[in-house]
């Protein structure tokens, strides 16, 4: 998923990641980098951190790599999803191979 911190940054200039996330059963809560992001609606954000109240944008990644709407600030790709993301950018699936699956 594409996750961007919105609070405290100019439009599309906050830190952003292509990262693995987990969803709650209802899909309204996202677990990301040790944070719990709850869904809500706003002009420039669609989730907020339940502890810090920081706002985030969470969405699926774009195949063309243009996930930010108004800037070209680089997006960090987490190492554990880098291979799957590279395949996705080349037209493949975002599905992880068995060797890329996290250990339980």
N, C-alpha and C. Protein backbone atom coordinates (compact mmCIF):
# COMPACT_ATOMS: atom_id res chain seq x y z
N UNK A 1 0.84 -1.18 0.00
CA UNK A 1 0.00 0.00 0.00
C UNK A 1 0.89 1.25 0.00
N UNK A 2 0.30 2.34 -0.45
CA UNK A 2 0.95 3.64 -0.40
C UNK A 2 0.42 4.34 0.86
N UNK A 3 1.34 4.81 1.71
CA UNK A 3 0.97 5.49 2.95
C UNK A 3 1.76 6.79 3.02
N UNK A 4 1.05 7.91 3.20
CA UNK A 4 1.72 9.21 3.27
C UNK A 4 1.25 9.97 4.51
N UNK A 5 2.22 10.49 5.26
CA UNK A 5 1.92 11.35 6.40
C UNK A 5 1.55 12.73 5.88
N UNK A 6 0.38 13.22 6.27
CA UNK A 6 -0.10 14.52 5.81
C UNK A 6 0.10 15.63 6.84
N UNK A 7 -0.04 15.30 8.12
CA UNK A 7 0.05 16.31 9.18
C UNK A 7 1.42 16.96 9.22
N UNK A 8 1.45 18.29 9.23
CA UNK A 8 2.70 19.03 9.39
C UNK A 8 3.52 19.21 8.14
N UNK A 9 2.96 18.88 6.98
CA UNK A 9 3.72 18.98 5.74
C UNK A 9 2.89 19.68 4.68
N UNK A 10 3.60 20.37 3.76
CA UNK A 10 2.91 20.96 2.62
C UNK A 10 2.27 19.85 1.81
N UNK A 11 1.40 20.23 0.90
CA UNK A 11 0.67 19.24 0.09
C UNK A 11 1.64 18.29 -0.60
N UNK A 12 1.46 17.01 -0.35
CA UNK A 12 2.23 15.92 -0.95
C UNK A 12 3.74 16.04 -0.74
N UNK A 13 4.16 16.56 0.40
CA UNK A 13 5.59 16.66 0.69
C UNK A 13 5.99 15.93 1.97
N UNK A 14 5.05 15.26 2.61
CA UNK A 14 5.35 14.50 3.82
C UNK A 14 6.02 13.18 3.47
N UNK A 15 6.60 12.52 4.46
CA UNK A 15 7.21 11.22 4.19
C UNK A 15 6.14 10.24 3.72
N UNK A 16 6.54 9.38 2.79
CA UNK A 16 5.60 8.40 2.23
C UNK A 16 6.31 7.08 2.01
N UNK A 17 5.55 6.01 2.06
CA UNK A 17 6.10 4.66 1.97
C UNK A 17 5.24 3.79 1.06
N UNK A 18 5.89 2.89 0.36
CA UNK A 18 5.23 1.72 -0.21
C UNK A 18 5.55 0.63 0.80
N UNK A 19 4.51 0.08 1.42
CA UNK A 19 4.74 -0.79 2.57
C UNK A 19 3.67 -1.86 2.66
N UNK A 20 3.98 -2.89 3.40
CA UNK A 20 2.99 -3.91 3.75
C UNK A 20 2.18 -3.37 4.92
N UNK A 21 0.88 -3.50 4.86
CA UNK A 21 0.00 -3.11 5.95
C UNK A 21 -0.93 -4.28 6.25
N UNK A 22 -1.58 -4.20 7.38
CA UNK A 22 -2.62 -5.17 7.72
C UNK A 22 -3.90 -4.40 7.95
N UNK A 23 -5.02 -5.02 7.59
CA UNK A 23 -6.33 -4.41 7.77
C UNK A 23 -7.09 -5.15 8.86
N UNK A 24 -7.94 -4.42 9.56
CA UNK A 24 -8.85 -5.05 10.51
C UNK A 24 -9.90 -5.83 9.71
N UNK A 25 -10.69 -6.63 10.40
CA UNK A 25 -11.75 -7.39 9.74
C UNK A 25 -12.69 -6.49 8.96
N UNK A 26 -13.03 -5.35 9.53
CA UNK A 26 -13.96 -4.43 8.86
C UNK A 26 -13.30 -3.66 7.73
N UNK A 27 -11.96 -3.61 7.71
CA UNK A 27 -11.23 -2.86 6.70
C UNK A 27 -11.12 -1.38 7.00
N UNK A 28 -11.66 -0.93 8.12
CA UNK A 28 -11.65 0.49 8.45
C UNK A 28 -10.43 0.91 9.28
N UNK A 29 -9.65 -0.07 9.72
CA UNK A 29 -8.44 0.22 10.49
C UNK A 29 -7.26 -0.43 9.78
N UNK A 30 -6.17 0.33 9.67
CA UNK A 30 -4.95 -0.13 9.01
C UNK A 30 -3.85 -0.15 10.05
N UNK A 31 -3.08 -1.23 10.07
CA UNK A 31 -1.93 -1.35 10.97
C UNK A 31 -0.68 -1.21 10.11
N UNK A 32 0.14 -0.21 10.45
CA UNK A 32 1.27 0.18 9.60
C UNK A 32 2.41 0.67 10.47
N UNK A 33 3.57 0.02 10.35
CA UNK A 33 4.78 0.44 11.08
C UNK A 33 4.51 0.67 12.56
N UNK A 34 3.74 -0.21 13.18
CA UNK A 34 3.45 -0.10 14.60
C UNK A 34 2.38 0.92 14.96
N UNK A 35 1.76 1.51 13.97
CA UNK A 35 0.70 2.50 14.19
C UNK A 35 -0.66 1.88 13.90
N UNK A 36 -1.67 2.43 14.51
CA UNK A 36 -3.05 2.05 14.24
C UNK A 36 -3.71 3.25 13.59
N UNK A 37 -4.08 3.09 12.33
CA UNK A 37 -4.67 4.18 11.55
C UNK A 37 -6.14 3.87 11.32
N UNK A 38 -6.99 4.73 11.81
CA UNK A 38 -8.43 4.55 11.68
C UNK A 38 -8.96 5.40 10.53
N UNK A 39 -9.92 4.84 9.80
CA UNK A 39 -10.50 5.51 8.64
C UNK A 39 -11.37 6.70 9.04
N UNK A 40 -11.28 7.77 8.27
CA UNK A 40 -12.19 8.91 8.36
C UNK A 40 -12.11 9.66 7.04
N UNK A 41 -12.97 10.59 6.82
CA UNK A 41 -12.98 11.34 5.56
C UNK A 41 -12.55 12.78 5.80
N UNK A 42 -11.65 13.24 4.92
CA UNK A 42 -11.16 14.61 4.97
C UNK A 42 -10.75 15.00 3.56
N UNK A 43 -10.50 16.28 3.35
CA UNK A 43 -10.07 16.75 2.03
C UNK A 43 -8.80 16.07 1.56
N UNK A 44 -7.79 15.99 2.43
CA UNK A 44 -6.48 15.49 1.99
C UNK A 44 -5.99 14.27 2.76
N UNK A 45 -6.83 13.67 3.59
CA UNK A 45 -6.42 12.49 4.35
C UNK A 45 -7.62 11.55 4.46
N UNK A 46 -7.32 10.26 4.63
CA UNK A 46 -8.41 9.31 4.78
C UNK A 46 -8.24 8.40 6.01
N UNK A 47 -7.16 8.61 6.78
CA UNK A 47 -6.93 7.87 8.02
C UNK A 47 -6.26 8.80 9.03
N UNK A 48 -6.39 8.47 10.30
CA UNK A 48 -5.66 9.20 11.34
C UNK A 48 -5.09 8.20 12.32
N UNK A 49 -3.96 8.54 12.92
CA UNK A 49 -3.31 7.72 13.93
C UNK A 49 -4.10 7.87 15.24
N UNK A 50 -4.55 6.75 15.80
CA UNK A 50 -5.40 6.83 16.99
C UNK A 50 -4.66 7.37 18.21
N UNK A 51 -3.34 7.26 18.25
CA UNK A 51 -2.57 7.78 19.38
C UNK A 51 -2.16 9.24 19.20
N UNK A 52 -1.61 9.56 18.03
CA UNK A 52 -1.05 10.90 17.82
C UNK A 52 -2.01 11.87 17.14
N UNK A 53 -3.07 11.35 16.53
CA UNK A 53 -4.05 12.13 15.76
C UNK A 53 -3.46 12.67 14.46
N UNK A 54 -2.27 12.23 14.07
CA UNK A 54 -1.70 12.64 12.79
C UNK A 54 -2.56 12.07 11.67
N UNK A 55 -2.64 12.81 10.58
CA UNK A 55 -3.45 12.39 9.43
C UNK A 55 -2.58 11.74 8.37
N UNK A 56 -3.16 10.73 7.71
CA UNK A 56 -2.45 9.97 6.68
C UNK A 56 -3.35 9.78 5.47
N UNK A 57 -2.72 9.58 4.32
CA UNK A 57 -3.42 9.12 3.12
C UNK A 57 -2.95 7.69 2.89
N UNK A 58 -3.90 6.75 2.76
CA UNK A 58 -3.60 5.35 2.51
C UNK A 58 -4.33 4.93 1.24
N UNK A 59 -3.61 4.36 0.29
CA UNK A 59 -4.24 3.90 -0.95
C UNK A 59 -3.37 2.83 -1.59
N UNK A 60 -3.90 2.20 -2.59
CA UNK A 60 -3.11 1.24 -3.35
C UNK A 60 -2.06 1.99 -4.15
N UNK A 61 -0.92 1.36 -4.41
CA UNK A 61 0.13 2.03 -5.20
C UNK A 61 -0.27 2.12 -6.67
N UNK A 62 0.29 3.10 -7.35
CA UNK A 62 0.05 3.27 -8.78
C UNK A 62 1.15 2.58 -9.56
N UNK A 63 0.79 1.91 -10.60
CA UNK A 63 1.76 1.17 -11.42
C UNK A 63 2.81 2.10 -12.03
N UNK A 64 2.42 3.34 -12.32
CA UNK A 64 3.37 4.28 -12.93
C UNK A 64 4.26 4.97 -11.90
N UNK A 65 4.06 4.67 -10.60
CA UNK A 65 4.90 5.24 -9.56
C UNK A 65 4.54 6.66 -9.17
N UNK A 66 3.47 7.20 -9.74
CA UNK A 66 3.07 8.58 -9.45
C UNK A 66 1.99 8.59 -8.38
N UNK A 67 2.34 8.17 -7.19
CA UNK A 67 1.38 8.08 -6.09
C UNK A 67 1.06 9.44 -5.50
N UNK A 68 2.00 10.35 -5.51
CA UNK A 68 1.75 11.70 -5.01
C UNK A 68 1.02 12.48 -6.09
N UNK A 69 0.03 13.24 -5.68
CA UNK A 69 -0.76 13.98 -6.66
C UNK A 69 -0.08 15.24 -7.15
N UNK A 70 0.60 15.96 -6.25
CA UNK A 70 1.08 17.31 -6.60
C UNK A 70 2.58 17.52 -6.45
N UNK A 71 3.33 16.47 -6.22
CA UNK A 71 4.78 16.64 -6.12
C UNK A 71 5.48 15.38 -6.60
N UNK A 72 6.79 15.49 -6.75
CA UNK A 72 7.56 14.31 -7.15
C UNK A 72 8.60 13.97 -6.09
N UNK A 73 8.31 14.29 -4.83
CA UNK A 73 9.18 13.94 -3.71
C UNK A 73 9.26 12.40 -3.67
N UNK A 74 10.47 11.84 -3.55
CA UNK A 74 10.61 10.37 -3.56
C UNK A 74 9.80 9.69 -2.44
N UNK A 75 9.36 8.49 -2.74
CA UNK A 75 8.61 7.65 -1.82
C UNK A 75 9.52 6.50 -1.40
N UNK A 76 9.58 6.22 -0.11
CA UNK A 76 10.41 5.13 0.40
C UNK A 76 9.70 3.80 0.17
N UNK A 77 10.42 2.84 -0.39
CA UNK A 77 9.89 1.49 -0.59
C UNK A 77 10.51 0.60 0.48
N UNK A 78 9.66 0.03 1.34
CA UNK A 78 10.17 -0.85 2.39
C UNK A 78 10.87 -2.05 1.76
N UNK A 79 12.02 -2.46 2.30
CA UNK A 79 12.79 -3.56 1.72
C UNK A 79 12.01 -4.87 1.57
N UNK A 80 11.10 -5.14 2.50
CA UNK A 80 10.39 -6.43 2.43
C UNK A 80 9.34 -6.49 1.32
N UNK A 81 9.04 -5.37 0.68
CA UNK A 81 8.09 -5.38 -0.44
C UNK A 81 8.72 -4.90 -1.74
N UNK A 82 10.02 -4.62 -1.73
CA UNK A 82 10.69 -4.03 -2.89
C UNK A 82 10.58 -4.91 -4.14
N UNK A 83 10.80 -6.20 -4.01
CA UNK A 83 10.74 -7.09 -5.17
C UNK A 83 9.33 -7.17 -5.74
N UNK A 84 8.34 -7.30 -4.87
CA UNK A 84 6.94 -7.36 -5.33
C UNK A 84 6.54 -6.04 -5.99
N UNK A 85 6.98 -4.92 -5.43
CA UNK A 85 6.65 -3.62 -5.99
C UNK A 85 7.32 -3.44 -7.36
N UNK A 86 8.57 -3.89 -7.50
CA UNK A 86 9.26 -3.80 -8.79
C UNK A 86 8.52 -4.61 -9.85
N UNK A 87 8.06 -5.81 -9.50
CA UNK A 87 7.28 -6.63 -10.44
C UNK A 87 5.98 -5.92 -10.83
N UNK A 88 5.31 -5.34 -9.84
CA UNK A 88 4.07 -4.60 -10.07
C UNK A 88 4.29 -3.45 -11.05
N UNK A 89 5.37 -2.70 -10.86
CA UNK A 89 5.68 -1.56 -11.74
C UNK A 89 5.93 -2.02 -13.17
N UNK A 90 6.35 -3.29 -13.34
CA UNK A 90 6.60 -3.83 -14.67
C UNK A 90 5.38 -4.55 -15.25
N UNK A 91 4.24 -4.46 -14.56
CA UNK A 91 3.02 -5.03 -15.09
C UNK A 91 2.55 -6.30 -14.40
N UNK A 92 3.32 -6.78 -13.42
CA UNK A 92 2.95 -8.01 -12.72
C UNK A 92 2.01 -7.77 -11.56
N UNK A 93 1.79 -8.83 -10.82
CA UNK A 93 0.91 -8.80 -9.66
C UNK A 93 1.65 -8.27 -8.44
N UNK A 94 0.89 -7.74 -7.49
CA UNK A 94 1.47 -7.31 -6.22
C UNK A 94 1.58 -8.47 -5.24
N UNK A 95 1.11 -9.63 -5.61
CA UNK A 95 1.17 -10.79 -4.72
C UNK A 95 2.63 -11.13 -4.39
N UNK A 96 2.86 -11.46 -3.14
CA UNK A 96 4.19 -11.85 -2.71
C UNK A 96 4.44 -13.31 -3.07
N UNK A 97 5.68 -13.63 -3.42
CA UNK A 97 6.03 -15.03 -3.65
C UNK A 97 6.20 -15.69 -2.28
N UNK A 98 6.17 -17.03 -2.22
CA UNK A 98 6.32 -17.70 -0.91
C UNK A 98 7.60 -17.28 -0.17
N UNK A 99 8.68 -17.02 -0.87
CA UNK A 99 9.92 -16.61 -0.18
C UNK A 99 9.84 -15.18 0.36
N UNK A 100 8.89 -14.39 -0.13
CA UNK A 100 8.72 -13.01 0.33
C UNK A 100 7.72 -12.88 1.47
N UNK A 101 6.96 -13.93 1.73
CA UNK A 101 5.96 -13.89 2.80
C UNK A 101 6.64 -13.72 4.15
N UNK A 102 6.05 -12.93 5.05
CA UNK A 102 6.65 -12.75 6.37
C UNK A 102 6.59 -14.04 7.18
N UNK A 103 7.61 -14.25 7.99
CA UNK A 103 7.64 -15.43 8.86
C UNK A 103 6.62 -15.25 9.97
N UNK A 104 5.96 -16.33 10.35
CA UNK A 104 4.95 -16.22 11.42
C UNK A 104 5.50 -16.65 12.73
